[in-house]
N, C-alpha and C. Protein backbone atom coordinates (compact mmCIF):
# COMPACT_ATOMS: atom_id res chain seq x y z
N MET A 1 -108.72 32.34 -123.06
CA MET A 1 -109.27 32.78 -124.34
C MET A 1 -109.66 34.26 -124.24
N ARG A 2 -109.27 35.02 -125.21
CA ARG A 2 -109.52 36.46 -125.24
C ARG A 2 -110.90 36.75 -125.82
N ALA A 3 -111.58 37.71 -125.24
CA ALA A 3 -112.90 38.11 -125.74
C ALA A 3 -112.73 38.84 -127.07
N THR A 4 -113.66 38.64 -127.96
CA THR A 4 -113.69 39.34 -129.24
C THR A 4 -114.67 40.50 -129.13
N HIS A 5 -114.26 41.65 -129.65
CA HIS A 5 -115.13 42.82 -129.70
C HIS A 5 -115.54 43.05 -131.15
N TRP A 6 -116.82 43.06 -131.39
CA TRP A 6 -117.38 43.22 -132.72
C TRP A 6 -117.85 44.66 -132.90
N THR A 7 -117.49 45.27 -134.03
CA THR A 7 -117.88 46.64 -134.34
C THR A 7 -118.20 46.75 -135.83
N TRP A 8 -118.84 47.85 -136.19
CA TRP A 8 -119.13 48.15 -137.60
C TRP A 8 -118.40 49.43 -137.99
N THR A 9 -117.95 49.49 -139.23
CA THR A 9 -117.48 50.74 -139.83
C THR A 9 -118.33 50.99 -141.06
N PHE A 10 -118.39 52.27 -141.46
CA PHE A 10 -119.29 52.65 -142.54
C PHE A 10 -118.58 53.53 -143.55
N GLU A 11 -119.07 53.46 -144.80
CA GLU A 11 -118.53 54.29 -145.88
C GLU A 11 -119.67 54.96 -146.62
N ASP A 12 -119.38 56.14 -147.18
CA ASP A 12 -120.38 56.83 -147.99
C ASP A 12 -120.35 56.31 -149.42
N ALA A 13 -121.12 56.91 -150.30
CA ALA A 13 -121.23 56.44 -151.69
C ALA A 13 -119.92 56.52 -152.45
N ASP A 14 -119.01 57.40 -152.02
CA ASP A 14 -117.71 57.53 -152.67
C ASP A 14 -116.64 56.66 -152.01
N GLY A 15 -117.03 55.84 -151.04
CA GLY A 15 -116.09 54.97 -150.37
C GLY A 15 -115.30 55.63 -149.25
N ARG A 16 -115.70 56.86 -148.90
CA ARG A 16 -115.02 57.56 -147.79
C ARG A 16 -115.54 57.04 -146.45
N PRO A 17 -114.64 56.85 -145.51
CA PRO A 17 -115.07 56.37 -144.18
C PRO A 17 -115.94 57.41 -143.48
N LEU A 18 -116.94 56.93 -142.79
CA LEU A 18 -117.79 57.75 -141.93
C LEU A 18 -117.47 57.39 -140.49
N ALA A 19 -117.93 58.19 -139.58
CA ALA A 19 -117.74 57.86 -138.16
C ALA A 19 -118.36 56.49 -137.91
N ASP A 20 -117.67 55.67 -137.13
CA ASP A 20 -118.22 54.34 -136.85
C ASP A 20 -119.45 54.48 -135.96
N GLY A 21 -120.13 53.38 -135.77
CA GLY A 21 -121.36 53.38 -135.00
C GLY A 21 -121.16 53.62 -133.52
N GLY A 22 -119.93 53.47 -133.06
CA GLY A 22 -119.67 53.65 -131.66
C GLY A 22 -120.14 52.51 -130.78
N GLU A 23 -120.78 51.55 -131.38
CA GLU A 23 -121.30 50.40 -130.65
C GLU A 23 -120.26 49.29 -130.65
N VAL A 24 -120.12 48.63 -129.51
CA VAL A 24 -119.26 47.45 -129.40
C VAL A 24 -120.15 46.31 -128.95
N PHE A 25 -120.06 45.19 -129.66
CA PHE A 25 -120.94 44.05 -129.40
C PHE A 25 -120.14 42.87 -128.89
N PRO A 26 -120.71 42.10 -127.96
CA PRO A 26 -119.98 40.96 -127.41
C PRO A 26 -119.95 39.75 -128.34
N THR A 27 -120.91 39.69 -129.29
CA THR A 27 -120.96 38.55 -130.21
C THR A 27 -121.24 39.05 -131.62
N ARG A 28 -120.87 38.24 -132.58
CA ARG A 28 -121.18 38.55 -133.98
C ARG A 28 -122.69 38.61 -134.18
N SER A 29 -123.40 37.70 -133.55
CA SER A 29 -124.85 37.68 -133.66
C SER A 29 -125.46 38.99 -133.19
N ASP A 30 -125.00 39.51 -132.07
CA ASP A 30 -125.51 40.80 -131.57
C ASP A 30 -125.24 41.90 -132.58
N ALA A 31 -124.06 41.92 -133.17
CA ALA A 31 -123.71 42.93 -134.16
C ALA A 31 -124.61 42.81 -135.39
N GLU A 32 -124.88 41.60 -135.83
CA GLU A 32 -125.71 41.40 -137.02
C GLU A 32 -127.17 41.79 -136.76
N VAL A 33 -127.67 41.49 -135.58
CA VAL A 33 -129.03 41.91 -135.23
C VAL A 33 -129.11 43.43 -135.24
N TRP A 34 -128.11 44.09 -134.66
CA TRP A 34 -128.11 45.55 -134.60
C TRP A 34 -128.12 46.16 -136.00
N ILE A 35 -127.29 45.66 -136.92
CA ILE A 35 -127.26 46.25 -138.26
C ILE A 35 -128.60 46.02 -138.96
N GLY A 36 -129.22 44.88 -138.70
CA GLY A 36 -130.54 44.61 -139.29
C GLY A 36 -131.60 45.57 -138.81
N GLU A 37 -131.46 46.04 -137.58
CA GLU A 37 -132.42 46.98 -137.01
C GLU A 37 -132.07 48.44 -137.30
N SER A 38 -130.82 48.71 -137.65
CA SER A 38 -130.32 50.09 -137.72
C SER A 38 -130.01 50.59 -139.12
N TRP A 39 -130.04 49.73 -140.13
CA TRP A 39 -129.53 50.13 -141.44
C TRP A 39 -130.27 51.32 -142.03
N ARG A 40 -131.57 51.45 -141.78
CA ARG A 40 -132.31 52.57 -142.37
C ARG A 40 -131.81 53.91 -141.82
N GLY A 41 -131.60 53.98 -140.53
CA GLY A 41 -131.08 55.20 -139.92
C GLY A 41 -129.67 55.50 -140.39
N LEU A 42 -128.87 54.47 -140.58
CA LEU A 42 -127.51 54.65 -141.09
C LEU A 42 -127.54 55.22 -142.50
N ARG A 43 -128.46 54.71 -143.32
CA ARG A 43 -128.61 55.23 -144.70
C ARG A 43 -129.00 56.70 -144.67
N GLU A 44 -129.90 57.07 -143.76
CA GLU A 44 -130.32 58.46 -143.66
C GLU A 44 -129.16 59.38 -143.29
N ARG A 45 -128.16 58.84 -142.63
CA ARG A 45 -126.98 59.63 -142.24
C ARG A 45 -125.86 59.52 -143.28
N GLY A 46 -126.15 58.90 -144.44
CA GLY A 46 -125.19 58.90 -145.54
C GLY A 46 -124.36 57.63 -145.70
N ALA A 47 -124.59 56.62 -144.90
CA ALA A 47 -123.83 55.38 -145.04
C ALA A 47 -124.39 54.57 -146.20
N GLU A 48 -123.51 54.09 -147.05
CA GLU A 48 -123.89 53.23 -148.17
C GLU A 48 -123.48 51.78 -147.93
N THR A 49 -122.35 51.59 -147.26
CA THR A 49 -121.86 50.25 -146.99
C THR A 49 -121.38 50.15 -145.54
N ALA A 50 -121.33 48.90 -145.07
CA ALA A 50 -120.85 48.62 -143.72
C ALA A 50 -119.86 47.46 -143.77
N ARG A 51 -118.92 47.48 -142.85
CA ARG A 51 -117.96 46.39 -142.70
C ARG A 51 -117.96 45.95 -141.25
N LEU A 52 -118.07 44.65 -141.05
CA LEU A 52 -118.01 44.09 -139.71
C LEU A 52 -116.56 43.84 -139.35
N ARG A 53 -116.18 44.25 -138.14
CA ARG A 53 -114.81 44.09 -137.67
C ARG A 53 -114.80 43.30 -136.37
N ALA A 54 -113.80 42.47 -136.20
CA ALA A 54 -113.58 41.73 -134.96
C ALA A 54 -112.21 42.13 -134.45
N ASP A 55 -112.19 42.75 -133.28
CA ASP A 55 -110.93 43.21 -132.68
C ASP A 55 -110.10 44.03 -133.66
N GLY A 56 -110.78 44.91 -134.42
CA GLY A 56 -110.08 45.83 -135.30
C GLY A 56 -109.74 45.33 -136.68
N ARG A 57 -110.11 44.11 -137.02
CA ARG A 57 -109.81 43.61 -138.38
C ARG A 57 -111.12 43.30 -139.10
N ASP A 58 -111.16 43.60 -140.40
CA ASP A 58 -112.35 43.32 -141.20
C ASP A 58 -112.59 41.82 -141.27
N VAL A 59 -113.84 41.41 -141.04
CA VAL A 59 -114.20 40.01 -141.17
C VAL A 59 -115.36 39.80 -142.14
N ASP A 60 -116.06 40.89 -142.49
CA ASP A 60 -117.18 40.75 -143.42
C ASP A 60 -117.46 42.11 -144.04
N GLY A 61 -117.80 42.09 -145.31
CA GLY A 61 -118.18 43.32 -145.98
C GLY A 61 -117.30 43.56 -147.19
N PRO A 62 -117.62 44.55 -147.93
CA PRO A 62 -118.63 45.55 -147.62
C PRO A 62 -120.04 45.02 -147.85
N LEU A 63 -120.90 45.41 -146.95
CA LEU A 63 -122.32 45.06 -146.97
C LEU A 63 -123.09 46.28 -147.41
N SER A 64 -123.84 46.16 -148.51
CA SER A 64 -124.64 47.27 -148.99
C SER A 64 -125.77 47.55 -148.00
N LEU A 65 -126.01 48.81 -147.75
CA LEU A 65 -127.12 49.22 -146.89
C LEU A 65 -128.33 49.65 -147.71
N ARG A 66 -128.28 49.38 -149.00
CA ARG A 66 -129.44 49.67 -149.86
C ARG A 66 -130.43 48.52 -149.78
N PRO A 67 -131.71 48.83 -149.77
CA PRO A 67 -132.70 47.74 -149.75
C PRO A 67 -132.64 46.92 -151.04
N ALA A 68 -132.90 45.65 -150.92
CA ALA A 68 -132.94 44.77 -152.10
C ALA A 68 -134.16 45.12 -152.93
N ASP A 69 -134.00 45.08 -154.25
CA ASP A 69 -135.14 45.37 -155.14
C ASP A 69 -136.04 44.18 -155.29
C-alpha cells in the first residue's frame, strides 16, 4: 500500500493560486488540524480559500478561510 501525502493549496479573493503551505502531512487528520490552527495567518497573507490535496489531486474544497458570522 502506497503512503498518501496530504497538502493544502490556497487561492486569493480573485481565485488566483498562492504559494502552497509547503507542509506535507502524513494523514488527513493532521492536515485538518493544521488548517484549523493556521487559517488566521493564511488570511493575513491573502488566502481566501484552501483546497486539500491527496497525492496531488483535490479531495476537498474550496474551503473558505473567512470566519463564520
